[in-house]
Amino acid sequence: MSPEIAALKGRAESYKLLYKTNQVGRDEALSNIQPYIDAVNTKATALAKKFNVRPKLITVTGFLR
């Protein structure tokens, strides 16, 4: 995992926790989680294209579960 994605993941995980404990609103949580989702989906798409398989994309809703 690259350092950029690791930093985005840490931030996304912290906002996930804050959202689940009702310390931040949905809009603020989504705006801070979305860059991580985009980075992971880009990486998944690139790997899937390399190995000729369908990418396993994640959504914000799936990440928050």
PDB file of N, CA and C in Angstrom:
ATOM      1  N   MET A   1       0.850  -1.170   0.000  1.00  0.00           N
ATOM      2  CA  MET A   1       0.000   0.000   0.000  1.00  0.00           C
ATOM      3  C   MET A   1       0.897   1.234   0.000  1.00  0.00           C
ATOM      4  N   SER A   2       0.597   2.159  -0.890  1.00  0.00           N
ATOM      5  CA  SER A   2       1.408   3.366  -0.984  1.00  0.00           C
ATOM      6  C   SER A   2       1.160   4.277   0.223  1.00  0.00           C
ATOM      7  N   PRO A   3       2.114   5.128   0.530  1.00  0.00           N
ATOM      8  CA  PRO A   3       1.938   6.026   1.689  1.00  0.00           C
ATOM      9  C   PRO A   3       0.744   6.973   1.537  1.00  0.00           C
ATOM     10  N   GLU A   4       0.453   7.381   0.296  1.00  0.00           N
ATOM     11  CA  GLU A   4      -0.684   8.280   0.078  1.00  0.00           C
ATOM     12  C   GLU A   4      -2.000   7.584   0.414  1.00  0.00           C
ATOM     13  N   ILE A   5      -2.140   6.344  -0.056  1.00  0.00           N
ATOM     14  CA  ILE A   5      -3.363   5.596   0.211  1.00  0.00           C
ATOM     15  C   ILE A   5      -3.466   5.250   1.691  1.00  0.00           C
ATOM     16  N   ALA A   6      -2.332   4.976   2.317  1.00  0.00           N
ATOM     17  CA  ALA A   6      -2.344   4.680   3.753  1.00  0.00           C
ATOM     18  C   ALA A   6      -2.798   5.892   4.552  1.00  0.00           C
ATOM     19  N   ALA A   7      -2.343   7.078   4.158  1.00  0.00           N
ATOM     20  CA  ALA A   7      -2.771   8.300   4.844  1.00  0.00           C
ATOM     21  C   ALA A   7      -4.260   8.548   4.632  1.00  0.00           C
ATOM     22  N   LEU A   8      -4.728   8.334   3.399  1.00  0.00           N
ATOM     23  CA  LEU A   8      -6.161   8.504   3.111  1.00  0.00           C
ATOM     24  C   LEU A   8      -6.997   7.498   3.889  1.00  0.00           C
ATOM     25  N   LYS A   9      -6.482   6.271   4.037  1.00  0.00           N
ATOM     26  CA  LYS A   9      -7.210   5.244   4.770  1.00  0.00           C
ATOM     27  C   LYS A   9      -7.322   5.608   6.243  1.00  0.00           C
ATOM     28  N   GLY A  10      -6.254   6.106   6.820  1.00  0.00           N
ATOM     29  CA  GLY A  10      -6.288   6.523   8.220  1.00  0.00           C
ATOM     30  C   GLY A  10      -7.309   7.616   8.459  1.00  0.00           C
ATOM     31  N   ARG A  11      -7.333   8.583   7.550  1.00  0.00           N
ATOM     32  CA  ARG A  11      -8.306   9.674   7.665  1.00  0.00           C
ATOM     33  C   ARG A  11      -9.730   9.156   7.481  1.00  0.00           C
ATOM     34  N   ALA A  12      -9.922   8.267   6.515  1.00  0.00           N
ATOM     35  CA  ALA A  12     -11.249   7.711   6.261  1.00  0.00           C
ATOM     36  C   ALA A  12     -11.733   6.889   7.450  1.00  0.00           C
ATOM     37  N   GLU A  13     -10.851   6.091   8.027  1.00  0.00           N
ATOM     38  CA  GLU A  13     -11.228   5.290   9.195  1.00  0.00           C
ATOM     39  C   GLU A  13     -11.597   6.170  10.382  1.00  0.00           C
ATOM     40  N   SER A  14     -10.863   7.274  10.568  1.00  0.00           N
ATOM     41  CA  SER A  14     -11.184   8.156  11.694  1.00  0.00           C
ATOM     42  C   SER A  14     -12.533   8.835  11.486  1.00  0.00           C
ATOM     43  N   TYR A  15     -12.825   9.255  10.257  1.00  0.00           N
ATOM     44  CA  TYR A  15     -14.130   9.877   9.999  1.00  0.00           C
ATOM     45  C   TYR A  15     -15.255   8.853  10.038  1.00  0.00           C
ATOM     46  N   LYS A  16     -14.952   7.611   9.725  1.00  0.00           N
ATOM     47  CA  LYS A  16     -15.946   6.540   9.859  1.00  0.00           C
ATOM     48  C   LYS A  16     -16.347   6.392  11.326  1.00  0.00           C
ATOM     49  N   LEU A  17     -15.360   6.396  12.194  1.00  0.00           N
ATOM     50  CA  LEU A  17     -15.626   6.290  13.623  1.00  0.00           C
ATOM     51  C   LEU A  17     -16.400   7.514  14.128  1.00  0.00           C
ATOM     52  N   LEU A  18     -15.993   8.710  13.692  1.00  0.00           N
ATOM     53  CA  LEU A  18     -16.691   9.924  14.107  1.00  0.00           C
ATOM     54  C   LEU A  18     -18.134   9.931  13.617  1.00  0.00           C
ATOM     55  N   TYR A  19     -18.355   9.439  12.404  1.00  0.00           N
ATOM     56  CA  TYR A  19     -19.711   9.398  11.855  1.00  0.00           C
ATOM     57  C   TYR A  19     -20.575   8.408  12.626  1.00  0.00           C
ATOM     58  N   LYS A  20     -20.010   7.256  12.950  1.00  0.00           N
ATOM     59  CA  LYS A  20     -20.786   6.242  13.670  1.00  0.00           C
ATOM     60  C   LYS A  20     -21.118   6.672  15.092  1.00  0.00           C
ATOM     61  N   THR A  21     -20.317   7.550  15.655  1.00  0.00           N
ATOM     62  CA  THR A  21     -20.595   8.038  17.011  1.00  0.00           C
ATOM     63  C   THR A  21     -21.326   9.381  16.990  1.00  0.00           C
ATOM     64  N   ASN A  22     -21.814   9.790  15.829  1.00  0.00           N
ATOM     65  CA  ASN A  22     -22.595  11.019  15.642  1.00  0.00           C
ATOM     66  C   ASN A  22     -21.853  12.276  16.057  1.00  0.00           C
ATOM     67  N   GLN A  23     -20.547  12.315  15.853  1.00  0.00           N
ATOM     68  CA  GLN A  23     -19.773  13.505  16.157  1.00  0.00           C
ATOM     69  C   GLN A  23     -19.601  14.405  14.945  1.00  0.00           C
ATOM     70  N   VAL A  24     -19.795  13.864  13.754  1.00  0.00           N
ATOM     71  CA  VAL A  24     -19.784  14.657  12.522  1.00  0.00           C
ATOM     72  C   VAL A  24     -21.006  14.272  11.706  1.00  0.00           C
ATOM     73  N   GLY A  25     -21.408  15.181  10.828  1.00  0.00           N
ATOM     74  CA  GLY A  25     -22.560  14.922   9.981  1.00  0.00           C
ATOM     75  C   GLY A  25     -22.195  14.071   8.780  1.00  0.00           C
ATOM     76  N   ARG A  26     -23.220  13.629   8.073  1.00  0.00           N
ATOM     77  CA  ARG A  26     -23.015  12.764   6.916  1.00  0.00           C
ATOM     78  C   ARG A  26     -22.234  13.468   5.811  1.00  0.00           C
ATOM     79  N   ASP A  27     -22.560  14.721   5.537  1.00  0.00           N
ATOM     80  CA  ASP A  27     -21.879  15.450   4.461  1.00  0.00           C
ATOM     81  C   ASP A  27     -20.385  15.603   4.737  1.00  0.00           C
ATOM     82  N   GLU A  28     -20.039  15.942   5.976  1.00  0.00           N
ATOM     83  CA  GLU A  28     -18.627  16.101   6.330  1.00  0.00           C
ATOM     84  C   GLU A  28     -17.892  14.760   6.249  1.00  0.00           C
ATOM     85  N   ALA A  29     -18.530  13.706   6.717  1.00  0.00           N
ATOM     86  CA  ALA A  29     -17.911  12.379   6.665  1.00  0.00           C
ATOM     87  C   ALA A  29     -17.708  11.948   5.214  1.00  0.00           C
ATOM     88  N   LEU A  30     -18.705  12.147   4.374  1.00  0.00           N
ATOM     89  CA  LEU A  30     -18.590  11.734   2.974  1.00  0.00           C
ATOM     90  C   LEU A  30     -17.492  12.501   2.254  1.00  0.00           C
ATOM     91  N   SER A  31     -17.375  13.792   2.530  1.00  0.00           N
ATOM     92  CA  SER A  31     -16.352  14.587   1.846  1.00  0.00           C
ATOM     93  C   SER A  31     -14.943  14.173   2.259  1.00  0.00           C
ATOM     94  N   ASN A  32     -14.781  13.617   3.451  1.00  0.00           N
ATOM     95  CA  ASN A  32     -13.462  13.180   3.895  1.00  0.00           C
ATOM     96  C   ASN A  32     -13.176  11.724   3.564  1.00  0.00           C
ATOM     97  N   ILE A  33     -14.198  10.922   3.323  1.00  0.00           N
ATOM     98  CA  ILE A  33     -14.010   9.511   2.987  1.00  0.00           C
ATOM     99  C   ILE A  33     -13.871   9.308   1.478  1.00  0.00           C
ATOM    100  N   GLN A  34     -14.515  10.137   0.682  1.00  0.00           N
ATOM    101  CA  GLN A  34     -14.566   9.960  -0.767  1.00  0.00           C
ATOM    102  C   GLN A  34     -13.189   9.900  -1.445  1.00  0.00           C
ATOM    103  N   PRO A  35     -12.195  10.710  -1.040  1.00  0.00           N
ATOM    104  CA  PRO A  35     -10.877  10.577  -1.701  1.00  0.00           C
ATOM    105  C   PRO A  35     -10.268   9.186  -1.542  1.00  0.00           C
ATOM    106  N   TYR A  36     -10.454   8.555  -0.398  1.00  0.00           N
ATOM    107  CA  TYR A  36      -9.945   7.195  -0.191  1.00  0.00           C
ATOM    108  C   TYR A  36     -10.676   6.202  -1.093  1.00  0.00           C
ATOM    109  N   ILE A  37     -11.998   6.329  -1.178  1.00  0.00           N
ATOM    110  CA  ILE A  37     -12.797   5.443  -2.028  1.00  0.00           C
ATOM    111  C   ILE A  37     -12.347   5.574  -3.481  1.00  0.00           C
ATOM    112  N   ASP A  38     -12.138   6.799  -3.937  1.00  0.00           N
ATOM    113  CA  ASP A  38     -11.708   7.023  -5.316  1.00  0.00           C
ATOM    114  C   ASP A  38     -10.336   6.396  -5.578  1.00  0.00           C
ATOM    115  N   ALA A  39      -9.409   6.565  -4.635  1.00  0.00           N
ATOM    116  CA  ALA A  39      -8.067   6.010  -4.806  1.00  0.00           C
ATOM    117  C   ALA A  39      -8.096   4.478  -4.850  1.00  0.00           C
ATOM    118  N   VAL A  40      -8.866   3.871  -3.974  1.00  0.00           N
ATOM    119  CA  VAL A  40      -8.953   2.408  -3.937  1.00  0.00           C
ATOM    120  C   VAL A  40      -9.622   1.873  -5.205  1.00  0.00           C
ATOM    121  N   ASN A  41     -10.668   2.531  -5.653  1.00  0.00           N
ATOM    122  CA  ASN A  41     -11.355   2.075  -6.863  1.00  0.00           C
ATOM    123  C   ASN A  41     -10.472   2.230  -8.103  1.00  0.00           C
ATOM    124  N   THR A  42      -9.667   3.274  -8.155  1.00  0.00           N
ATOM    125  CA  THR A  42      -8.734   3.452  -9.269  1.00  0.00           C
ATOM    126  C   THR A  42      -7.709   2.326  -9.283  1.00  0.00           C
ATOM    127  N   LYS A  43      -7.177   2.003  -8.108  1.00  0.00           N
ATOM    128  CA  LYS A  43      -6.196   0.917  -7.998  1.00  0.00           C
ATOM    129  C   LYS A  43      -6.830  -0.431  -8.355  1.00  0.00           C
ATOM    130  N   ALA A  44      -8.065  -0.660  -7.895  1.00  0.00           N
ATOM    131  CA  ALA A  44      -8.757  -1.918  -8.191  1.00  0.00           C
ATOM    132  C   ALA A  44      -9.022  -2.059  -9.687  1.00  0.00           C
ATOM    133  N   THR A  45      -9.391  -0.961 -10.322  1.00  0.00           N
ATOM    134  CA  THR A  45      -9.650  -0.992 -11.761  1.00  0.00           C
ATOM    135  C   THR A  45      -8.375  -1.294 -12.538  1.00  0.00           C
ATOM    136  N   ALA A  46      -7.268  -0.683 -12.120  1.00  0.00           N
ATOM    137  CA  ALA A  46      -5.993  -0.928 -12.807  1.00  0.00           C
ATOM    138  C   ALA A  46      -5.560  -2.388 -12.656  1.00  0.00           C
ATOM    139  N   LEU A  47      -5.678  -2.929 -11.455  1.00  0.00           N
ATOM    140  CA  LEU A  47      -5.301  -4.330 -11.249  1.00  0.00           C
ATOM    141  C   LEU A  47      -6.221  -5.280 -12.000  1.00  0.00           C
ATOM    142  N   ALA A  48      -7.507  -4.977 -12.036  1.00  0.00           N
ATOM    143  CA  ALA A  48      -8.454  -5.832 -12.743  1.00  0.00           C
ATOM    144  C   ALA A  48      -8.170  -5.829 -14.246  1.00  0.00           C
ATOM    145  N   LYS A  49      -7.827  -4.659 -14.758  1.00  0.00           N
ATOM    146  CA  LYS A  49      -7.514  -4.570 -16.181  1.00  0.00           C
ATOM    147  C   LYS A  49      -6.245  -5.378 -16.493  1.00  0.00           C
ATOM    148  N   LYS A  50      -5.288  -5.334 -15.584  1.00  0.00           N
ATOM    149  CA  LYS A  50      -4.034  -6.066 -15.778  1.00  0.00           C
ATOM    150  C   LYS A  50      -4.263  -7.571 -15.838  1.00  0.00           C
ATOM    151  N   PHE A  51      -5.148  -8.079 -14.990  1.00  0.00           N
ATOM    152  CA  PHE A  51      -5.398  -9.516 -14.921  1.00  0.00           C
ATOM    153  C   PHE A  51      -6.663  -9.948 -15.651  1.00  0.00           C
ATOM    154  N   ASN A  52      -7.288  -9.017 -16.377  1.00  0.00           N
ATOM    155  CA  ASN A  52      -8.452  -9.295 -17.213  1.00  0.00           C
ATOM    156  C   ASN A  52      -9.613  -9.898 -16.406  1.00  0.00           C
ATOM    157  N   VAL A  53      -9.936  -9.255 -15.284  1.00  0.00           N
ATOM    158  CA  VAL A  53     -11.076  -9.653 -14.463  1.00  0.00           C
ATOM    159  C   VAL A  53     -11.903  -8.409 -14.148  1.00  0.00           C
ATOM    160  N   ARG A  54     -13.068  -8.621 -13.594  1.00  0.00           N
ATOM    161  CA  ARG A  54     -13.937  -7.515 -13.225  1.00  0.00           C
ATOM    162  C   ARG A  54     -13.454  -6.909 -11.896  1.00  0.00           C
ATOM    163  N   PRO A  55     -13.381  -5.570 -11.810  1.00  0.00           N
ATOM    164  CA  PRO A  55     -12.907  -4.952 -10.562  1.00  0.00           C
ATOM    165  C   PRO A  55     -13.944  -5.067  -9.446  1.00  0.00           C
ATOM    166  N   LYS A  56     -13.463  -5.210  -8.236  1.00  0.00           N
ATOM    167  CA  LYS A  56     -14.324  -5.238  -7.063  1.00  0.00           C
ATOM    168  C   LYS A  56     -14.298  -3.847  -6.441  1.00  0.00           C
ATOM    169  N   LEU A  57     -15.230  -3.026  -6.860  1.00  0.00           N
ATOM    170  CA  LEU A  57     -15.283  -1.643  -6.414  1.00  0.00           C
ATOM    171  C   LEU A  57     -16.007  -1.533  -5.074  1.00  0.00           C
ATOM    172  N   ILE A  58     -15.645  -0.505  -4.301  1.00  0.00           N
ATOM    173  CA  ILE A  58     -16.322  -0.278  -3.033  1.00  0.00           C
ATOM    174  C   ILE A  58     -17.069   1.046  -3.106  1.00  0.00           C
ATOM    175  N   THR A  59     -18.092   1.169  -2.301  1.00  0.00           N
ATOM    176  CA  THR A  59     -18.867   2.394  -2.218  1.00  0.00           C
ATOM    177  C   THR A  59     -18.725   2.957  -0.810  1.00  0.00           C
ATOM    178  N   VAL A  60     -19.125   4.212  -0.659  1.00  0.00           N
ATOM    179  CA  VAL A  60     -19.072   4.833   0.661  1.00  0.00           C
ATOM    180  C   VAL A  60     -19.997   4.101   1.618  1.00  0.00           C
ATOM    181  N   THR A  61     -21.153   3.716   1.144  1.00  0.00           N
ATOM    182  CA  THR A  61     -22.100   2.991   1.993  1.00  0.00           C
ATOM    183  C   THR A  61     -21.518   1.666   2.456  1.00  0.00           C
ATOM    184  N   GLY A  62     -20.880   0.959   1.555  1.00  0.00           N
ATOM    185  CA  GLY A  62     -20.255  -0.307   1.924  1.00  0.00           C
ATOM    186  C   GLY A  62     -19.089  -0.103   2.890  1.00  0.00           C
ATOM    187  N   PHE A  63     -18.346   0.979   2.715  1.00  0.00           N
ATOM    188  CA  PHE A  63     -17.233   1.274   3.610  1.00  0.00           C
ATOM    189  C   PHE A  63     -17.712   1.618   5.007  1.00  0.00           C
ATOM    190  N   LEU A  64     -18.858   2.293   5.104  1.00  0.00           N
ATOM    191  CA  LEU A  64     -19.365   2.703   6.408  1.00  0.00           C
ATOM    192  C   LEU A  64     -20.008   1.567   7.187  1.00  0.00           C
ATOM    193  N   ARG A  65     -20.242   0.444   6.576  1.00  0.00           N
ATOM    194  CA  ARG A  65     -20.871  -0.690   7.290  1.00  0.00           C
ATOM    195  C   ARG A  65     -19.904  -1.395   8.173  1.00  0.00           C
TER     196      ARG A  65
END
